[in-house]
Amino acid sequence: MLQGTKDERTETGRCYGVEMNVERTKKITIPTQPSPIQITTGCKQTENVQYLKYFGSLMTNDARCTHEIKSRVVMTK
């Protein structure tokens, strides 16, 4: 399901001359998920990460905000 949605977005982007940057494409999976999700972009698997910055906010796979709070405290110093 996710692979199909990603493929649709890729095709729509190509119609408008936009390409997906495979090197910067990442995914977060929930650790309690029974099996890891496999999503490919081009011929490469997307990297699975524990956290990433998305529109300035730190998103983690455990849905806790402690990393976000710590990073914002560091930015203010």
N, C-alpha and C. Protein backbone atom coordinates (compact mmCIF):
# COMPACT_ATOMS: atom_id res chain seq x y z
N MET A 1 0.82 -1.19 0.00
CA MET A 1 0.00 0.00 0.00
C MET A 1 0.86 1.26 0.00
N LEU A 2 1.83 1.34 0.92
CA LEU A 2 2.70 2.51 0.96
C LEU A 2 3.57 2.60 -0.29
N GLN A 3 4.04 1.44 -0.76
CA GLN A 3 4.87 1.43 -1.97
C GLN A 3 4.08 1.98 -3.15
N GLY A 4 2.82 1.59 -3.28
CA GLY A 4 1.98 2.09 -4.37
C GLY A 4 1.75 3.58 -4.29
N THR A 5 1.53 4.08 -3.08
CA THR A 5 1.33 5.52 -2.88
C THR A 5 2.60 6.29 -3.25
N LYS A 6 3.75 5.77 -2.82
CA LYS A 6 5.02 6.43 -3.14
C LYS A 6 5.25 6.43 -4.64
N ASP A 7 4.93 5.31 -5.31
CA ASP A 7 5.10 5.23 -6.76
C ASP A 7 4.19 6.23 -7.49
N GLU A 8 2.95 6.40 -7.01
CA GLU A 8 2.05 7.38 -7.60
C GLU A 8 2.61 8.79 -7.48
N ARG A 9 3.14 9.12 -6.30
CA ARG A 9 3.71 10.46 -6.09
C ARG A 9 4.93 10.68 -6.98
N THR A 10 5.73 9.64 -7.17
CA THR A 10 6.91 9.74 -8.02
C THR A 10 6.50 10.01 -9.47
N GLU A 11 5.49 9.29 -9.95
CA GLU A 11 5.02 9.48 -11.32
C GLU A 11 4.41 10.86 -11.52
N THR A 12 3.63 11.33 -10.55
CA THR A 12 3.04 12.66 -10.63
C THR A 12 4.14 13.72 -10.66
N GLY A 13 5.16 13.54 -9.85
CA GLY A 13 6.28 14.48 -9.83
C GLY A 13 7.00 14.52 -11.16
N ARG A 14 7.18 13.36 -11.78
CA ARG A 14 7.87 13.31 -13.08
C ARG A 14 7.10 14.07 -14.14
N CYS A 15 5.77 14.06 -14.07
CA CYS A 15 4.96 14.81 -15.03
C CYS A 15 5.26 16.31 -14.95
N TYR A 16 5.64 16.77 -13.75
CA TYR A 16 5.93 18.19 -13.54
C TYR A 16 7.43 18.47 -13.50
N GLY A 17 8.25 17.49 -13.84
CA GLY A 17 9.69 17.68 -13.88
C GLY A 17 10.36 17.65 -12.52
N VAL A 18 9.74 17.01 -11.54
CA VAL A 18 10.30 16.92 -10.19
C VAL A 18 10.76 15.49 -9.95
N GLU A 19 11.99 15.33 -9.48
CA GLU A 19 12.52 14.00 -9.18
C GLU A 19 12.69 13.84 -7.67
N MET A 20 12.49 12.63 -7.17
CA MET A 20 12.68 12.33 -5.76
C MET A 20 14.17 12.10 -5.50
N ASN A 21 14.68 12.71 -4.44
CA ASN A 21 16.08 12.53 -4.07
C ASN A 21 16.19 11.24 -3.25
N VAL A 22 16.71 10.19 -3.88
CA VAL A 22 16.78 8.87 -3.25
C VAL A 22 17.69 8.89 -2.03
N GLU A 23 18.76 9.66 -2.08
CA GLU A 23 19.73 9.70 -0.97
C GLU A 23 19.12 10.33 0.29
N ARG A 24 18.16 11.22 0.13
CA ARG A 24 17.58 11.90 1.28
C ARG A 24 16.25 11.30 1.73
N THR A 25 15.77 10.27 1.07
CA THR A 25 14.50 9.65 1.42
C THR A 25 14.72 8.66 2.56
N LYS A 26 13.98 8.86 3.65
CA LYS A 26 14.12 8.02 4.84
C LYS A 26 12.74 7.61 5.33
N LYS A 27 12.69 6.61 6.21
CA LYS A 27 11.43 6.20 6.80
C LYS A 27 11.64 5.86 8.27
N ILE A 28 10.58 6.05 9.05
CA ILE A 28 10.58 5.69 10.46
C ILE A 28 9.53 4.59 10.64
N THR A 29 9.92 3.51 11.29
CA THR A 29 8.95 2.45 11.58
C THR A 29 8.78 2.31 13.08
N ILE A 30 7.62 1.89 13.50
CA ILE A 30 7.34 1.70 14.92
C ILE A 30 7.97 0.39 15.35
N PRO A 31 8.75 0.38 16.44
CA PRO A 31 9.47 -0.83 16.84
C PRO A 31 8.57 -2.03 17.14
N THR A 32 7.31 -1.82 17.53
CA THR A 32 6.44 -2.94 17.86
C THR A 32 5.78 -3.55 16.62
N GLN A 33 6.08 -3.01 15.46
CA GLN A 33 5.51 -3.53 14.22
C GLN A 33 6.05 -4.94 13.98
N PRO A 34 5.20 -5.90 13.58
CA PRO A 34 5.66 -7.28 13.45
C PRO A 34 6.74 -7.49 12.38
N SER A 35 6.65 -6.80 11.26
CA SER A 35 7.66 -6.96 10.22
C SER A 35 8.02 -5.60 9.65
N PRO A 36 9.30 -5.41 9.31
CA PRO A 36 9.70 -4.10 8.76
C PRO A 36 9.10 -3.87 7.38
N ILE A 37 8.77 -2.62 7.11
CA ILE A 37 8.20 -2.24 5.82
C ILE A 37 9.33 -2.03 4.83
N GLN A 38 9.20 -2.60 3.66
CA GLN A 38 10.20 -2.44 2.61
C GLN A 38 9.65 -1.49 1.54
N ILE A 39 10.28 -0.33 1.40
CA ILE A 39 9.88 0.63 0.37
C ILE A 39 11.10 0.93 -0.47
N THR A 40 10.97 0.82 -1.77
CA THR A 40 12.09 1.11 -2.67
C THR A 40 11.82 2.41 -3.42
N THR A 41 12.88 3.13 -3.67
CA THR A 41 12.84 4.34 -4.48
C THR A 41 13.85 4.14 -5.59
N GLY A 42 13.37 4.09 -6.81
CA GLY A 42 14.26 3.70 -7.90
C GLY A 42 14.62 2.24 -7.69
N CYS A 43 15.88 1.95 -7.55
CA CYS A 43 16.33 0.58 -7.29
C CYS A 43 16.88 0.44 -5.88
N LYS A 44 16.79 1.49 -5.07
CA LYS A 44 17.37 1.47 -3.73
C LYS A 44 16.29 1.38 -2.66
N GLN A 45 16.61 0.66 -1.57
CA GLN A 45 15.74 0.60 -0.40
C GLN A 45 15.83 1.93 0.35
N THR A 46 14.73 2.41 0.88
CA THR A 46 14.79 3.61 1.70
C THR A 46 15.39 3.24 3.05
N GLU A 47 16.15 4.18 3.60
CA GLU A 47 16.84 3.96 4.86
C GLU A 47 15.86 4.04 6.02
N ASN A 48 15.96 3.11 6.96
CA ASN A 48 15.14 3.13 8.16
C ASN A 48 15.91 3.84 9.26
N VAL A 49 15.33 4.88 9.84
CA VAL A 49 16.00 5.67 10.88
C VAL A 49 15.17 5.68 12.15
N GLN A 50 15.82 6.00 13.27
CA GLN A 50 15.11 6.09 14.55
C GLN A 50 14.53 7.48 14.77
N TYR A 51 15.11 8.50 14.13
CA TYR A 51 14.60 9.86 14.25
C TYR A 51 14.98 10.66 13.02
N LEU A 52 14.23 11.73 12.76
CA LEU A 52 14.56 12.65 11.68
C LEU A 52 13.91 14.00 11.93
N LYS A 53 14.47 15.02 11.32
CA LYS A 53 13.90 16.37 11.40
C LYS A 53 12.92 16.52 10.25
N TYR A 54 11.71 16.97 10.56
CA TYR A 54 10.67 17.15 9.56
C TYR A 54 10.00 18.49 9.81
N PHE A 55 10.17 19.42 8.89
CA PHE A 55 9.66 20.78 9.03
C PHE A 55 10.07 21.40 10.36
N GLY A 56 11.33 21.17 10.76
CA GLY A 56 11.87 21.79 11.96
C GLY A 56 11.60 21.04 13.25
N SER A 57 10.78 20.00 13.22
CA SER A 57 10.49 19.23 14.43
C SER A 57 11.19 17.88 14.36
N LEU A 58 11.64 17.41 15.49
CA LEU A 58 12.32 16.13 15.57
C LEU A 58 11.29 15.04 15.80
N MET A 59 11.16 14.13 14.85
CA MET A 59 10.23 13.01 14.95
C MET A 59 11.02 11.75 15.31
N THR A 60 10.52 10.98 16.28
CA THR A 60 11.19 9.75 16.70
C THR A 60 10.26 8.56 16.53
N ASN A 61 10.86 7.37 16.46
CA ASN A 61 10.05 6.17 16.25
C ASN A 61 9.29 5.75 17.51
N ASP A 62 9.64 6.31 18.67
CA ASP A 62 8.91 5.97 19.88
C ASP A 62 7.86 7.03 20.25
N ALA A 63 7.71 8.06 19.42
CA ALA A 63 6.71 9.13 19.58
C ALA A 63 6.86 9.91 20.88
N ARG A 64 8.07 9.96 21.40
CA ARG A 64 8.32 10.76 22.61
C ARG A 64 8.93 12.10 22.18
N CYS A 65 8.79 13.10 23.01
CA CYS A 65 9.27 14.43 22.65
C CYS A 65 10.54 14.83 23.41
N THR A 66 11.17 13.91 24.13
CA THR A 66 12.35 14.28 24.92
C THR A 66 13.49 14.76 24.03
N HIS A 67 13.72 14.13 22.88
CA HIS A 67 14.78 14.57 21.96
C HIS A 67 14.47 15.96 21.41
N GLU A 68 13.20 16.20 21.11
CA GLU A 68 12.77 17.51 20.59
C GLU A 68 13.04 18.60 21.62
N ILE A 69 12.68 18.35 22.87
CA ILE A 69 12.89 19.34 23.93
C ILE A 69 14.37 19.60 24.13
N LYS A 70 15.18 18.54 24.17
CA LYS A 70 16.62 18.71 24.36
C LYS A 70 17.25 19.48 23.20
N SER A 71 16.83 19.20 21.97
CA SER A 71 17.42 19.90 20.83
C SER A 71 17.02 21.39 20.83
N ARG A 72 15.81 21.70 21.25
CA ARG A 72 15.39 23.11 21.32
C ARG A 72 16.09 23.86 22.45
N VAL A 73 16.37 23.18 23.56
CA VAL A 73 17.12 23.80 24.65
C VAL A 73 18.52 24.12 24.18
N VAL A 74 19.14 23.19 23.45
CA VAL A 74 20.50 23.40 22.93
C VAL A 74 20.51 24.58 21.94
N MET A 75 19.48 24.70 21.10
CA MET A 75 19.42 25.80 20.13
C MET A 75 19.32 27.16 20.82
N THR A 76 18.67 27.22 21.99
CA THR A 76 18.51 28.51 22.65
C THR A 76 19.78 28.95 23.37
N LYS A 77 20.67 28.03 23.66
CA LYS A 77 21.91 28.41 24.37
C LYS A 77 22.91 29.06 23.46
